[in-house]
PDB file of N, CA and C in Angstrom:
ATOM      1  N   MET A   1     182.931 183.233 -86.273  1.00  0.00           N
ATOM      2  CA  MET A   1     183.136 184.400 -85.460  1.00  0.00           C
ATOM      3  C   MET A   1     183.863 185.502 -86.222  1.00  0.00           C
ATOM      4  N   ARG A   2     183.599 186.748 -85.803  1.00  0.00           N
ATOM      5  CA  ARG A   2     184.253 187.844 -86.477  1.00  0.00           C
ATOM      6  C   ARG A   2     185.023 188.695 -85.468  1.00  0.00           C
ATOM      7  N   ASP A   3     186.051 189.411 -86.006  1.00  0.00           N
ATOM      8  CA  ASP A   3     186.849 190.201 -85.134  1.00  0.00           C
ATOM      9  C   ASP A   3     186.205 191.576 -84.968  1.00  0.00           C
ATOM     10  N   ALA A   4     186.887 192.509 -84.304  1.00  0.00           N
ATOM     11  CA  ALA A   4     186.326 193.835 -84.012  1.00  0.00           C
ATOM     12  C   ALA A   4     186.010 194.640 -85.264  1.00  0.00           C
ATOM     13  N   ASP A   5     186.651 194.358 -86.379  1.00  0.00           N
ATOM     14  CA  ASP A   5     186.474 195.080 -87.613  1.00  0.00           C
ATOM     15  C   ASP A   5     185.466 194.370 -88.465  1.00  0.00           C
ATOM     16  N   ASP A   6     184.723 193.338 -87.936  1.00  0.00           N
ATOM     17  CA  ASP A   6     183.722 192.569 -88.638  1.00  0.00           C
ATOM     18  C   ASP A   6     184.318 191.726 -89.812  1.00  0.00           C
ATOM     19  N   ARG A   7     185.554 191.323 -89.660  1.00  0.00           N
ATOM     20  CA  ARG A   7     186.157 190.449 -90.553  1.00  0.00           C
ATOM     21  C   ARG A   7     186.182 189.049 -89.972  1.00  0.00           C
ATOM     22  N   PRO A   8     186.186 188.012 -90.798  1.00  0.00           N
ATOM     23  CA  PRO A   8     186.262 186.649 -90.263  1.00  0.00           C
ATOM     24  C   PRO A   8     187.521 186.513 -89.388  1.00  0.00           C
ATOM     25  N   ALA A   9     187.396 185.887 -88.234  1.00  0.00           N
ATOM     26  CA  ALA A   9     188.536 185.683 -87.338  1.00  0.00           C
ATOM     27  C   ALA A   9     189.382 184.577 -87.891  1.00  0.00           C
ATOM     28  N   ALA A  10     190.713 184.641 -87.601  1.00  0.00           N
ATOM     29  CA  ALA A  10     191.615 183.559 -87.990  1.00  0.00           C
ATOM     30  C   ALA A  10     191.227 182.331 -87.215  1.00  0.00           C
ATOM     31  N   SER A  11     191.484 181.161 -87.810  1.00  0.00           N
ATOM     32  CA  SER A  11     191.069 179.893 -87.187  1.00  0.00           C
ATOM     33  C   SER A  11     191.728 179.675 -85.809  1.00  0.00           C
ATOM     34  N   GLY A  12     192.979 180.116 -85.633  1.00  0.00           N
ATOM     35  CA  GLY A  12     193.626 179.980 -84.308  1.00  0.00           C
ATOM     36  C   GLY A  12     192.952 180.830 -83.274  1.00  0.00           C
ATOM     37  N   GLU A  13     192.594 182.100 -83.648  1.00  0.00           N
ATOM     38  CA  GLU A  13     191.886 182.980 -82.731  1.00  0.00           C
ATOM     39  C   GLU A  13     190.511 182.421 -82.404  1.00  0.00           C
ATOM     40  N   LEU A  14     189.824 181.826 -83.382  1.00  0.00           N
ATOM     41  CA  LEU A  14     188.485 181.270 -83.143  1.00  0.00           C
ATOM     42  C   LEU A  14     188.638 180.136 -82.120  1.00  0.00           C
ATOM     43  N   GLN A  15     189.596 179.276 -82.297  1.00  0.00           N
ATOM     44  CA  GLN A  15     189.751 178.135 -81.404  1.00  0.00           C
ATOM     45  C   GLN A  15     190.084 178.622 -79.974  1.00  0.00           C
ATOM     46  N   ASP A  16     190.941 179.674 -79.868  1.00  0.00           N
ATOM     47  CA  ASP A  16     191.273 180.216 -78.568  1.00  0.00           C
ATOM     48  C   ASP A  16     190.055 180.850 -77.890  1.00  0.00           C
ATOM     49  N   THR A  17     189.221 181.528 -78.716  1.00  0.00           N
ATOM     50  CA  THR A  17     188.041 182.142 -78.181  1.00  0.00           C
ATOM     51  C   THR A  17     187.043 181.078 -77.734  1.00  0.00           C
ATOM     52  N   GLU A  18     186.855 180.052 -78.482  1.00  0.00           N
ATOM     53  CA  GLU A  18     185.948 178.966 -78.099  1.00  0.00           C
ATOM     54  C   GLU A  18     186.412 178.257 -76.859  1.00  0.00           C
ATOM     55  N   THR A  19     187.739 178.056 -76.761  1.00  0.00           N
ATOM     56  CA  THR A  19     188.285 177.429 -75.566  1.00  0.00           C
ATOM     57  C   THR A  19     188.064 178.279 -74.370  1.00  0.00           C
ATOM     58  N   GLU A  20     188.279 179.556 -74.479  1.00  0.00           N
ATOM     59  CA  GLU A  20     188.064 180.482 -73.355  1.00  0.00           C
ATOM     60  C   GLU A  20     186.598 180.506 -72.979  1.00  0.00           C
ATOM     61  N   LEU A  21     185.713 180.502 -73.940  1.00  0.00           N
ATOM     62  CA  LEU A  21     184.257 180.477 -73.657  1.00  0.00           C
ATOM     63  C   LEU A  21     183.856 179.246 -72.874  1.00  0.00           C
ATOM     64  N   VAL A  22     184.365 178.096 -73.297  1.00  0.00           N
ATOM     65  CA  VAL A  22     184.067 176.840 -72.549  1.00  0.00           C
ATOM     66  C   VAL A  22     184.583 176.948 -71.141  1.00  0.00           C
ATOM     67  N   ARG A  23     185.812 177.482 -70.982  1.00  0.00           N
ATOM     68  CA  ARG A  23     186.381 177.593 -69.634  1.00  0.00           C
ATOM     69  C   ARG A  23     185.580 178.506 -68.758  1.00  0.00           C
ATOM     70  N   LEU A  24     185.139 179.654 -69.305  1.00  0.00           N
ATOM     71  CA  LEU A  24     184.339 180.612 -68.526  1.00  0.00           C
ATOM     72  C   LEU A  24     182.986 179.996 -68.163  1.00  0.00           C
ATOM     73  N   ARG A  25     182.373 179.306 -69.080  1.00  0.00           N
ATOM     74  CA  ARG A  25     181.053 178.697 -68.778  1.00  0.00           C
ATOM     75  C   ARG A  25     181.222 177.649 -67.684  1.00  0.00           C
ATOM     76  N   THR A  26     182.270 176.853 -67.766  1.00  0.00           N
ATOM     77  CA  THR A  26     182.519 175.828 -66.728  1.00  0.00           C
ATOM     78  C   THR A  26     182.738 176.491 -65.379  1.00  0.00           C
ATOM     79  N   GLU A  27     183.528 177.523 -65.375  1.00  0.00           N
ATOM     80  CA  GLU A  27     183.812 178.235 -64.099  1.00  0.00           C
ATOM     81  C   GLU A  27     182.543 178.845 -63.574  1.00  0.00           C
ATOM     82  N   ASN A  28     181.756 179.448 -64.408  1.00  0.00           N
ATOM     83  CA  ASN A  28     180.472 180.082 -63.996  1.00  0.00           C
ATOM     84  C   ASN A  28     179.553 179.011 -63.374  1.00  0.00           C
ATOM     85  N   THR A  29     179.415 177.871 -64.040  1.00  0.00           N
ATOM     86  CA  THR A  29     178.574 176.804 -63.528  1.00  0.00           C
ATOM     87  C   THR A  29     179.105 176.295 -62.166  1.00  0.00           C
ATOM     88  N   ARG A  30     180.375 176.167 -62.020  1.00  0.00           N
ATOM     89  CA  ARG A  30     180.981 175.727 -60.763  1.00  0.00           C
ATOM     90  C   ARG A  30     180.736 176.706 -59.664  1.00  0.00           C
ATOM     91  N   ARG A  31     180.864 177.999 -59.919  1.00  0.00           N
ATOM     92  CA  ARG A  31     180.627 179.016 -58.935  1.00  0.00           C
ATOM     93  C   ARG A  31     179.179 179.107 -58.486  1.00  0.00           C
ATOM     94  N   GLN A  32     178.289 178.825 -59.405  1.00  0.00           N
ATOM     95  CA  GLN A  32     176.866 178.886 -59.096  1.00  0.00           C
ATOM     96  C   GLN A  32     176.367 177.554 -58.479  1.00  0.00           C
ATOM     97  N   GLY A  33     177.206 176.598 -58.371  1.00  0.00           N
ATOM     98  CA  GLY A  33     176.775 175.326 -57.787  1.00  0.00           C
ATOM     99  C   GLY A  33     175.919 174.549 -58.760  1.00  0.00           C
ATOM    100  N   GLY A  34     176.038 174.788 -60.032  1.00  0.00           N
ATOM    101  CA  GLY A  34     175.280 174.097 -61.026  1.00  0.00           C
ATOM    102  C   GLY A  34     173.930 174.637 -61.289  1.00  0.00           C
ATOM    103  N   LYS A  35     173.491 175.632 -60.533  1.00  0.00           N
ATOM    104  CA  LYS A  35     172.232 176.260 -60.723  1.00  0.00           C
ATOM    105  C   LYS A  35     172.266 177.683 -60.208  1.00  0.00           C
ATOM    106  N   GLY A  36     171.187 178.391 -60.351  1.00  0.00           N
ATOM    107  CA  GLY A  36     171.186 179.746 -59.833  1.00  0.00           C
ATOM    108  C   GLY A  36     170.749 180.718 -60.896  1.00  0.00           C
ATOM    109  N   ASN A  37     170.615 181.961 -60.471  1.00  0.00           N
ATOM    110  CA  ASN A  37     170.134 182.946 -61.414  1.00  0.00           C
ATOM    111  C   ASN A  37     171.150 184.025 -61.617  1.00  0.00           C
ATOM    112  N   GLY A  38     172.388 183.721 -61.688  1.00  0.00           N
ATOM    113  CA  GLY A  38     173.405 184.696 -62.017  1.00  0.00           C
ATOM    114  C   GLY A  38     174.326 185.030 -60.880  1.00  0.00           C
ATOM    115  N   ILE A  39     174.803 186.223 -60.853  1.00  0.00           N
ATOM    116  CA  ILE A  39     175.852 186.649 -59.968  1.00  0.00           C
ATOM    117  C   ILE A  39     175.402 186.566 -58.490  1.00  0.00           C
ATOM    118  N   THR A  40     174.200 187.038 -58.215  1.00  0.00           N
ATOM    119  CA  THR A  40     173.833 187.176 -56.769  1.00  0.00           C
ATOM    120  C   THR A  40     173.568 185.806 -56.157  1.00  0.00           C
ATOM    121  N   SER A  41     173.185 184.797 -56.886  1.00  0.00           N
ATOM    122  CA  SER A  41     172.912 183.530 -56.198  1.00  0.00           C
ATOM    123  C   SER A  41     174.152 182.948 -55.567  1.00  0.00           C
ATOM    124  N   GLY A  42     175.299 182.985 -56.241  1.00  0.00           N
ATOM    125  CA  GLY A  42     176.516 182.489 -55.630  1.00  0.00           C
ATOM    126  C   GLY A  42     176.937 183.347 -54.478  1.00  0.00           C
ATOM    127  N   ILE A  43     176.798 184.582 -54.580  1.00  0.00           N
ATOM    128  CA  ILE A  43     177.180 185.526 -53.496  1.00  0.00           C
ATOM    129  C   ILE A  43     176.293 185.328 -52.262  1.00  0.00           C
ATOM    130  N   LEU A  44     175.004 185.111 -52.485  1.00  0.00           N
ATOM    131  CA  LEU A  44     174.104 184.865 -51.374  1.00  0.00           C
ATOM    132  C   LEU A  44     174.456 183.567 -50.637  1.00  0.00           C
ATOM    133  N   ARG A  45     174.760 182.504 -51.393  1.00  0.00           N
ATOM    134  CA  ARG A  45     175.065 181.231 -50.723  1.00  0.00           C
ATOM    135  C   ARG A  45     176.371 181.286 -49.962  1.00  0.00           C
ATOM    136  N   ARG A  46     177.386 182.013 -50.477  1.00  0.00           N
ATOM    137  CA  ARG A  46     178.712 181.983 -49.869  1.00  0.00           C
ATOM    138  C   ARG A  46     178.984 183.248 -49.087  1.00  0.00           C
ATOM    139  N   ARG A  47     178.050 184.233 -49.130  1.00  0.00           N
ATOM    140  CA  ARG A  47     178.249 185.494 -48.415  1.00  0.00           C
ATOM    141  C   ARG A  47     179.611 186.155 -48.731  1.00  0.00           C
ATOM    142  N   GLN A  48     179.907 186.165 -50.018  1.00  0.00           N
ATOM    143  CA  GLN A  48     181.158 186.801 -50.462  1.00  0.00           C
ATOM    144  C   GLN A  48     180.909 188.312 -50.690  1.00  0.00           C
ATOM    145  N   PRO A  49     181.961 189.090 -50.493  1.00  0.00           N
ATOM    146  CA  PRO A  49     181.780 190.525 -50.793  1.00  0.00           C
ATOM    147  C   PRO A  49     181.587 190.705 -52.277  1.00  0.00           C
ATOM    148  N   ILE A  50     180.871 191.720 -52.656  1.00  0.00           N
ATOM    149  CA  ILE A  50     180.637 191.990 -54.074  1.00  0.00           C
ATOM    150  C   ILE A  50     181.672 193.054 -54.577  1.00  0.00           C
ATOM    151  N   SER A  51     182.033 192.884 -55.824  1.00  0.00           N
ATOM    152  CA  SER A  51     183.054 193.780 -56.337  1.00  0.00           C
ATOM    153  C   SER A  51     182.446 195.134 -56.703  1.00  0.00           C
ATOM    154  N   PRO A  52     183.221 196.193 -56.634  1.00  0.00           N
ATOM    155  CA  PRO A  52     182.723 197.547 -57.013  1.00  0.00           C
ATOM    156  C   PRO A  52     182.269 197.617 -58.467  1.00  0.00           C
ATOM    157  N   GLY A  53     182.894 196.779 -59.321  1.00  0.00           N
ATOM    158  CA  GLY A  53     182.511 196.826 -60.706  1.00  0.00           C
ATOM    159  C   GLY A  53     181.122 196.321 -60.931  1.00  0.00           C
ATOM    160  N   ILE A  54     180.673 195.274 -60.210  1.00  0.00           N
ATOM    161  CA  ILE A  54     179.323 194.772 -60.368  1.00  0.00           C
ATOM    162  C   ILE A  54     178.350 195.795 -59.924  1.00  0.00           C
ATOM    163  N   CYS A  55     178.590 196.452 -58.790  1.00  0.00           N
ATOM    164  CA  CYS A  55     177.657 197.506 -58.330  1.00  0.00           C
ATOM    165  C   CYS A  55     177.557 198.602 -59.319  1.00  0.00           C
ATOM    166  N   ARG A  56     178.701 198.981 -59.937  1.00  0.00           N
ATOM    167  CA  ARG A  56     178.702 200.059 -60.932  1.00  0.00           C
ATOM    168  C   ARG A  56     177.864 199.665 -62.143  1.00  0.00           C
ATOM    169  N   VAL A  57     178.040 198.443 -62.632  1.00  0.00           N
ATOM    170  CA  VAL A  57     177.307 197.996 -63.781  1.00  0.00           C
ATOM    171  C   VAL A  57     175.811 197.879 -63.466  1.00  0.00           C
ATOM    172  N   ARG A  58     175.471 197.387 -62.309  1.00  0.00           N
ATOM    173  CA  ARG A  58     174.065 197.289 -61.868  1.00  0.00           C
ATOM    174  C   ARG A  58     173.431 198.604 -61.434  1.00  0.00           C
ATOM    175  N   GLU A  59     174.315 199.601 -61.310  1.00  0.00           N
ATOM    176  CA  GLU A  59     173.860 200.915 -60.849  1.00  0.00           C
ATOM    177  C   GLU A  59     173.214 200.933 -59.498  1.00  0.00           C
ATOM    178  N   VAL A  60     173.854 200.221 -58.557  1.00  0.00           N
ATOM    179  CA  VAL A  60     173.393 200.186 -57.150  1.00  0.00           C
ATOM    180  C   VAL A  60     174.585 200.505 -56.214  1.00  0.00           C
ATOM    181  N   SER A  61     174.252 201.022 -55.068  1.00  0.00           N
ATOM    182  CA  SER A  61     175.327 201.276 -54.091  1.00  0.00           C
ATOM    183  C   SER A  61     175.622 200.010 -53.340  1.00  0.00           C
ATOM    184  N   HIS A  62     176.838 199.953 -52.764  1.00  0.00           N
ATOM    185  CA  HIS A  62     177.244 198.807 -51.970  1.00  0.00           C
ATOM    186  C   HIS A  62     176.294 198.623 -50.809  1.00  0.00           C
ATOM    187  N   SER A  63     176.001 199.693 -50.052  1.00  0.00           N
ATOM    188  CA  SER A  63     175.145 199.595 -48.914  1.00  0.00           C
ATOM    189  C   SER A  63     173.739 199.131 -49.324  1.00  0.00           C
ATOM    190  N   GLY A  64     173.240 199.665 -50.420  1.00  0.00           N
ATOM    191  CA  GLY A  64     171.917 199.201 -50.878  1.00  0.00           C
ATOM    192  C   GLY A  64     171.892 197.738 -51.249  1.00  0.00           C
ATOM    193  N   TYR A  65     172.937 197.233 -51.838  1.00  0.00           N
ATOM    194  CA  TYR A  65     173.058 195.842 -52.204  1.00  0.00           C
ATOM    195  C   TYR A  65     173.035 194.973 -50.925  1.00  0.00           C
ATOM    196  N   TYR A  66     173.860 195.345 -49.973  1.00  0.00           N
ATOM    197  CA  TYR A  66     173.944 194.530 -48.764  1.00  0.00           C
ATOM    198  C   TYR A  66     172.650 194.605 -47.959  1.00  0.00           C
ATOM    199  N   ARG A  67     171.989 195.742 -47.979  1.00  0.00           N
ATOM    200  CA  ARG A  67     170.673 195.864 -47.340  1.00  0.00           C
ATOM    201  C   ARG A  67     169.680 194.941 -48.020  1.00  0.00           C
ATOM    202  N   TRP A  68     169.717 194.856 -49.359  1.00  0.00           N
ATOM    203  CA  TRP A  68     168.835 193.990 -50.075  1.00  0.00           C
ATOM    204  C   TRP A  68     169.117 192.540 -49.741  1.00  0.00           C
ATOM    205  N   ILE A  69     170.400 192.119 -49.638  1.00  0.00           N
ATOM    206  CA  ILE A  69     170.725 190.775 -49.295  1.00  0.00           C
ATOM    207  C   ILE A  69     170.209 190.389 -47.913  1.00  0.00           C
ATOM    208  N   THR A  70     170.363 191.327 -46.926  1.00  0.00           N
ATOM    209  CA  THR A  70     169.897 191.057 -45.573  1.00  0.00           C
ATOM    210  C   THR A  70     168.397 190.912 -45.567  1.00  0.00           C
ATOM    211  N   SER A  71     167.701 191.754 -46.275  1.00  0.00           N
ATOM    212  CA  SER A  71     166.186 191.639 -46.288  1.00  0.00           C
ATOM    213  C   SER A  71     165.756 190.422 -47.052  1.00  0.00           C
ATOM    214  N   ALA A  72     166.516 190.032 -48.115  1.00  0.00           N
ATOM    215  CA  ALA A  72     166.156 188.802 -48.849  1.00  0.00           C
ATOM    216  C   ALA A  72     166.326 187.565 -48.000  1.00  0.00           C
ATOM    217  N   GLN A  73     167.424 187.542 -47.215  1.00  0.00           N
ATOM    218  CA  GLN A  73     167.654 186.402 -46.288  1.00  0.00           C
ATOM    219  C   GLN A  73     166.573 186.369 -45.230  1.00  0.00           C
ATOM    220  N   ALA A  74     166.176 187.517 -44.736  1.00  0.00           N
ATOM    221  CA  ALA A  74     165.098 187.528 -43.704  1.00  0.00           C
ATOM    222  C   ALA A  74     163.749 187.083 -44.267  1.00  0.00           C
ATOM    223  N   ARG A  75     163.457 187.516 -45.506  1.00  0.00           N
ATOM    224  CA  ARG A  75     162.225 187.029 -46.172  1.00  0.00           C
ATOM    225  C   ARG A  75     162.254 185.521 -46.397  1.00  0.00           C
ATOM    226  N   ALA A  76     163.361 185.026 -46.786  1.00  0.00           N
ATOM    227  CA  ALA A  76     163.503 183.593 -46.999  1.00  0.00           C
ATOM    228  C   ALA A  76     163.307 182.816 -45.724  1.00  0.00           C
ATOM    229  N   ALA A  77     163.880 183.338 -44.668  1.00  0.00           N
ATOM    230  CA  ALA A  77     163.739 182.628 -43.312  1.00  0.00           C
ATOM    231  C   ALA A  77     162.272 182.708 -42.903  1.00  0.00           C
ATOM    232  N   ALA A  78     161.579 183.826 -43.084  1.00  0.00           N
ATOM    233  CA  ALA A  78     160.205 183.930 -42.717  1.00  0.00           C
ATOM    234  C   ALA A  78     159.308 183.028 -43.551  1.00  0.00           C
ATOM    235  N   GLU A  79     159.654 182.931 -44.846  1.00  0.00           N
ATOM    236  CA  GLU A  79     158.880 182.056 -45.698  1.00  0.00           C
ATOM    237  C   GLU A  79     159.051 180.577 -45.345  1.00  0.00           C
ATOM    238  N   ASP A  80     160.275 180.210 -44.986  1.00  0.00           N
ATOM    239  CA  ASP A  80     160.514 178.838 -44.534  1.00  0.00           C
ATOM    240  C   ASP A  80     159.760 178.498 -43.278  1.00  0.00           C
ATOM    241  N   ALA A  81     159.665 179.437 -42.354  1.00  0.00           N
ATOM    242  CA  ALA A  81     158.928 179.217 -41.117  1.00  0.00           C
ATOM    243  C   ALA A  81     157.439 179.074 -41.412  1.00  0.00           C
ATOM    244  N   LEU A  82     156.925 179.934 -42.324  1.00  0.00           N
ATOM    245  CA  LEU A  82     155.522 179.857 -42.718  1.00  0.00           C
ATOM    246  C   LEU A  82     155.171 178.566 -43.399  1.00  0.00           C
ATOM    247  N   VAL A  83     156.077 178.073 -44.245  1.00  0.00           N
ATOM    248  CA  VAL A  83     155.862 176.751 -44.902  1.00  0.00           C
ATOM    249  C   VAL A  83     155.747 175.654 -43.857  1.00  0.00           C
ATOM    250  N   GLU A  84     156.553 175.735 -42.858  1.00  0.00           N
ATOM    251  CA  GLU A  84     156.506 174.717 -41.786  1.00  0.00           C
ATOM    252  C   GLU A  84     155.205 174.779 -41.064  1.00  0.00           C
ATOM    253  N   GLU A  85     154.672 175.965 -40.805  1.00  0.00           N
ATOM    254  CA  GLU A  85     153.379 176.131 -40.098  1.00  0.00           C
ATOM    255  C   GLU A  85     152.269 175.623 -41.017  1.00  0.00           C
ATOM    256  N   ILE A  86     152.299 175.902 -42.279  1.00  0.00           N
ATOM    257  CA  ILE A  86     151.284 175.371 -43.212  1.00  0.00           C
ATOM    258  C   ILE A  86     151.290 173.916 -43.214  1.00  0.00           C
ATOM    259  N   ARG A  87     152.423 173.286 -43.266  1.00  0.00           N
ATOM    260  CA  ARG A  87     152.537 171.815 -43.218  1.00  0.00           C
ATOM    261  C   ARG A  87     151.986 171.235 -41.918  1.00  0.00           C
ATOM    262  N   ALA A  88     152.272 171.943 -40.823  1.00  0.00           N
ATOM    263  CA  ALA A  88     151.799 171.463 -39.517  1.00  0.00           C
ATOM    264  C   ALA A  88     150.258 171.534 -39.456  1.00  0.00           C
ATOM    265  N   VAL A  89     149.681 172.624 -39.937  1.00  0.00           N
ATOM    266  CA  VAL A  89     148.201 172.742 -39.940  1.00  0.00           C
ATOM    267  C   VAL A  89     147.628 171.682 -40.797  1.00  0.00           C
ATOM    268  N   HIS A  90     148.199 171.459 -41.996  1.00  0.00           N
ATOM    269  CA  HIS A  90     147.689 170.453 -42.958  1.00  0.00           C
ATOM    270  C   HIS A  90     147.792 169.070 -42.319  1.00  0.00           C
ATOM    271  N   ALA A  91     148.912 168.750 -41.760  1.00  0.00           N
ATOM    272  CA  ALA A  91     149.090 167.440 -41.119  1.00  0.00           C
ATOM    273  C   ALA A  91     148.266 167.278 -39.915  1.00  0.00           C
ATOM    274  N   GLY A  92     148.057 168.354 -39.165  1.00  0.00           N
ATOM    275  CA  GLY A  92     147.221 168.290 -37.945  1.00  0.00           C
ATOM    276  C   GLY A  92     145.774 167.943 -38.234  1.00  0.00           C
ATOM    277  N   HIS A  93     145.352 168.142 -39.407  1.00  0.00           N
ATOM    278  CA  HIS A  93     143.982 167.780 -39.798  1.00  0.00           C
ATOM    279  C   HIS A  93     144.011 166.617 -40.788  1.00  0.00           C
ATOM    280  N   ARG A  94     145.013 165.750 -40.651  1.00  0.00           N
ATOM    281  CA  ARG A  94     145.191 164.519 -41.422  1.00  0.00           C
ATOM    282  C   ARG A  94     145.105 164.746 -42.945  1.00  0.00           C
ATOM    283  N   GLY A  95     145.609 165.929 -43.361  1.00  0.00           N
ATOM    284  CA  GLY A  95     145.651 166.136 -44.787  1.00  0.00           C
ATOM    285  C   GLY A  95     144.348 166.534 -45.431  1.00  0.00           C
ATOM    286  N   ASN A  96     143.342 166.748 -44.610  1.00  0.00           N
ATOM    287  CA  ASN A  96     141.987 167.062 -45.127  1.00  0.00           C
ATOM    288  C   ASN A  96     141.774 168.546 -45.407  1.00  0.00           C
ATOM    289  N   TYR A  97     142.596 169.394 -44.808  1.00  0.00           N
ATOM    290  CA  TYR A  97     142.371 170.806 -45.068  1.00  0.00           C
ATOM    291  C   TYR A  97     143.005 171.226 -46.370  1.00  0.00           C
ATOM    292  N   GLY A  98     142.221 171.995 -47.135  1.00  0.00           N
ATOM    293  CA  GLY A  98     142.765 172.557 -48.350  1.00  0.00           C
ATOM    294  C   GLY A  98     143.248 173.974 -48.117  1.00  0.00           C
ATOM    295  N   ALA A  99     143.511 174.685 -49.201  1.00  0.00           N
ATOM    296  CA  ALA A  99     144.085 176.019 -49.087  1.00  0.00           C
ATOM    297  C   ALA A  99     143.181 176.990 -48.348  1.00  0.00           C
ATOM    298  N   LEU A 100     141.907 176.951 -48.526  1.00  0.00           N
ATOM    299  CA  LEU A 100     141.015 177.904 -47.885  1.00  0.00           C
ATOM    300  C   LEU A 100     140.991 177.679 -46.378  1.00  0.00           C
ATOM    301  N   ARG A 101     140.899 176.442 -45.947  1.00  0.00           N
ATOM    302  CA  ARG A 101     140.847 176.179 -44.505  1.00  0.00           C
ATOM    303  C   ARG A 101     142.215 176.431 -43.823  1.00  0.00           C
ATOM    304  N   VAL A 102     143.269 176.072 -44.522  1.00  0.00           N
ATOM    305  CA  VAL A 102     144.602 176.336 -43.979  1.00  0.00           C
ATOM    306  C   VAL A 102     144.785 177.881 -43.820  1.00  0.00           C
ATOM    307  N   HIS A 103     144.367 178.598 -44.861  1.00  0.00           N
ATOM    308  CA  HIS A 103     144.441 180.059 -44.811  1.00  0.00           C
ATOM    309  C   HIS A 103     143.646 180.598 -43.666  1.00  0.00           C
ATOM    310  N   ALA A 104     142.420 180.118 -43.495  1.00  0.00           N
ATOM    311  CA  ALA A 104     141.574 180.646 -42.448  1.00  0.00           C
ATOM    312  C   ALA A 104     142.181 180.301 -41.066  1.00  0.00           C
ATOM    313  N   GLU A 105     142.746 179.127 -40.897  1.00  0.00           N
ATOM    314  CA  GLU A 105     143.368 178.803 -39.597  1.00  0.00           C
ATOM    315  C   GLU A 105     144.616 179.618 -39.307  1.00  0.00           C
ATOM    316  N   LEU A 106     145.391 179.897 -40.299  1.00  0.00           N
ATOM    317  CA  LEU A 106     146.574 180.732 -40.133  1.00  0.00           C
ATOM    318  C   LEU A 106     146.201 182.192 -39.783  1.00  0.00           C
ATOM    319  N   ARG A 107     145.129 182.682 -40.484  1.00  0.00           N
ATOM    320  CA  ARG A 107     144.645 184.017 -40.156  1.00  0.00           C
ATOM    321  C   ARG A 107     144.081 184.071 -38.745  1.00  0.00           C
ATOM    322  N   GLY A 108     143.456 182.917 -38.331  1.00  0.00           N
ATOM    323  CA  GLY A 108     142.901 182.879 -36.977  1.00  0.00           C
ATOM    324  C   GLY A 108     143.949 182.933 -35.889  1.00  0.00           C
ATOM    325  N   VAL A 109     145.140 182.499 -36.137  1.00  0.00           N
ATOM    326  CA  VAL A 109     146.207 182.579 -35.161  1.00  0.00           C
ATOM    327  C   VAL A 109     147.096 183.839 -35.316  1.00  0.00           C
ATOM    328  N   GLY A 110     146.660 184.746 -36.188  1.00  0.00           N
ATOM    329  CA  GLY A 110     147.319 186.043 -36.258  1.00  0.00           C
ATOM    330  C   GLY A 110     148.197 186.295 -37.430  1.00  0.00           C
ATOM    331  N   HIS A 111     148.337 185.368 -38.384  1.00  0.00           N
ATOM    332  CA  HIS A 111     149.189 185.600 -39.569  1.00  0.00           C
ATOM    333  C   HIS A 111     148.437 186.484 -40.516  1.00  0.00           C
ATOM    334  N   THR A 112     149.169 187.397 -41.154  1.00  0.00           N
ATOM    335  CA  THR A 112     148.596 188.238 -42.235  1.00  0.00           C
ATOM    336  C   THR A 112     149.171 187.703 -43.542  1.00  0.00           C
ATOM    337  N   ILE A 113     148.421 186.854 -44.182  1.00  0.00           N
ATOM    338  CA  ILE A 113     148.902 186.237 -45.443  1.00  0.00           C
ATOM    339  C   ILE A 113     147.742 186.214 -46.376  1.00  0.00           C
ATOM    340  N   ASN A 114     148.021 186.047 -47.689  1.00  0.00           N
ATOM    341  CA  ASN A 114     146.984 185.801 -48.674  1.00  0.00           C
ATOM    342  C   ASN A 114     146.808 184.303 -48.846  1.00  0.00           C
ATOM    343  N   ARG A 115     145.889 183.901 -49.714  1.00  0.00           N
ATOM    344  CA  ARG A 115     145.619 182.488 -49.848  1.00  0.00           C
ATOM    345  C   ARG A 115     146.725 181.700 -50.518  1.00  0.00           C
ATOM    346  N   ASN A 116     147.618 182.398 -51.180  1.00  0.00           N
ATOM    347  CA  ASN A 116     148.804 181.750 -51.796  1.00  0.00           C
ATOM    348  C   ASN A 116     149.824 181.365 -50.717  1.00  0.00           C
ATOM    349  N   GLY A 117     149.679 181.925 -49.546  1.00  0.00           N
ATOM    350  CA  GLY A 117     150.696 181.734 -48.485  1.00  0.00           C
ATOM    351  C   GLY A 117     151.713 182.845 -48.453  1.00  0.00           C
ATOM    352  N   SER A 118     151.512 183.853 -49.330  1.00  0.00           N
ATOM    353  CA  SER A 118     152.448 184.962 -49.374  1.00  0.00           C
ATOM    354  C   SER A 118     152.111 185.994 -48.280  1.00  0.00           C
ATOM    355  N   PRO A 119     153.114 186.476 -47.561  1.00  0.00           N
ATOM    356  CA  PRO A 119     152.821 187.515 -46.577  1.00  0.00           C
ATOM    357  C   PRO A 119     152.237 188.771 -47.227  1.00  0.00           C
ATOM    358  N   GLY A 120     151.419 189.399 -46.532  1.00  0.00           N
ATOM    359  CA  GLY A 120     150.911 190.673 -47.068  1.00  0.00           C
ATOM    360  C   GLY A 120     149.516 190.735 -47.046  1.00  0.00           C
TER     361      GLY A 120
END
């Protein structure tokens, strides 16, 4: 490792830096529940308020961020409901229906989805 002036860091500083890095990685993994895709995944699971610094770095407004979270949660709930309907249609036909038939049946009952099961 090198210091700010691009000189080799002293061994004590290097050890402190490595220790701090390990501590931060451990804390990050714990906050994300062992998985996730960064800052927002932990916030979404725990519904914690977001800090002004994160919004500033990401160049988003607080209200825009919370609107995005609300819409993301609504999309996830709608997707979960759709998955259950797809499973019910598939099981209702003893597992014989493939993607095309399941898609046609869902369209027949009024869903607007593509063949992947994505809304739209």
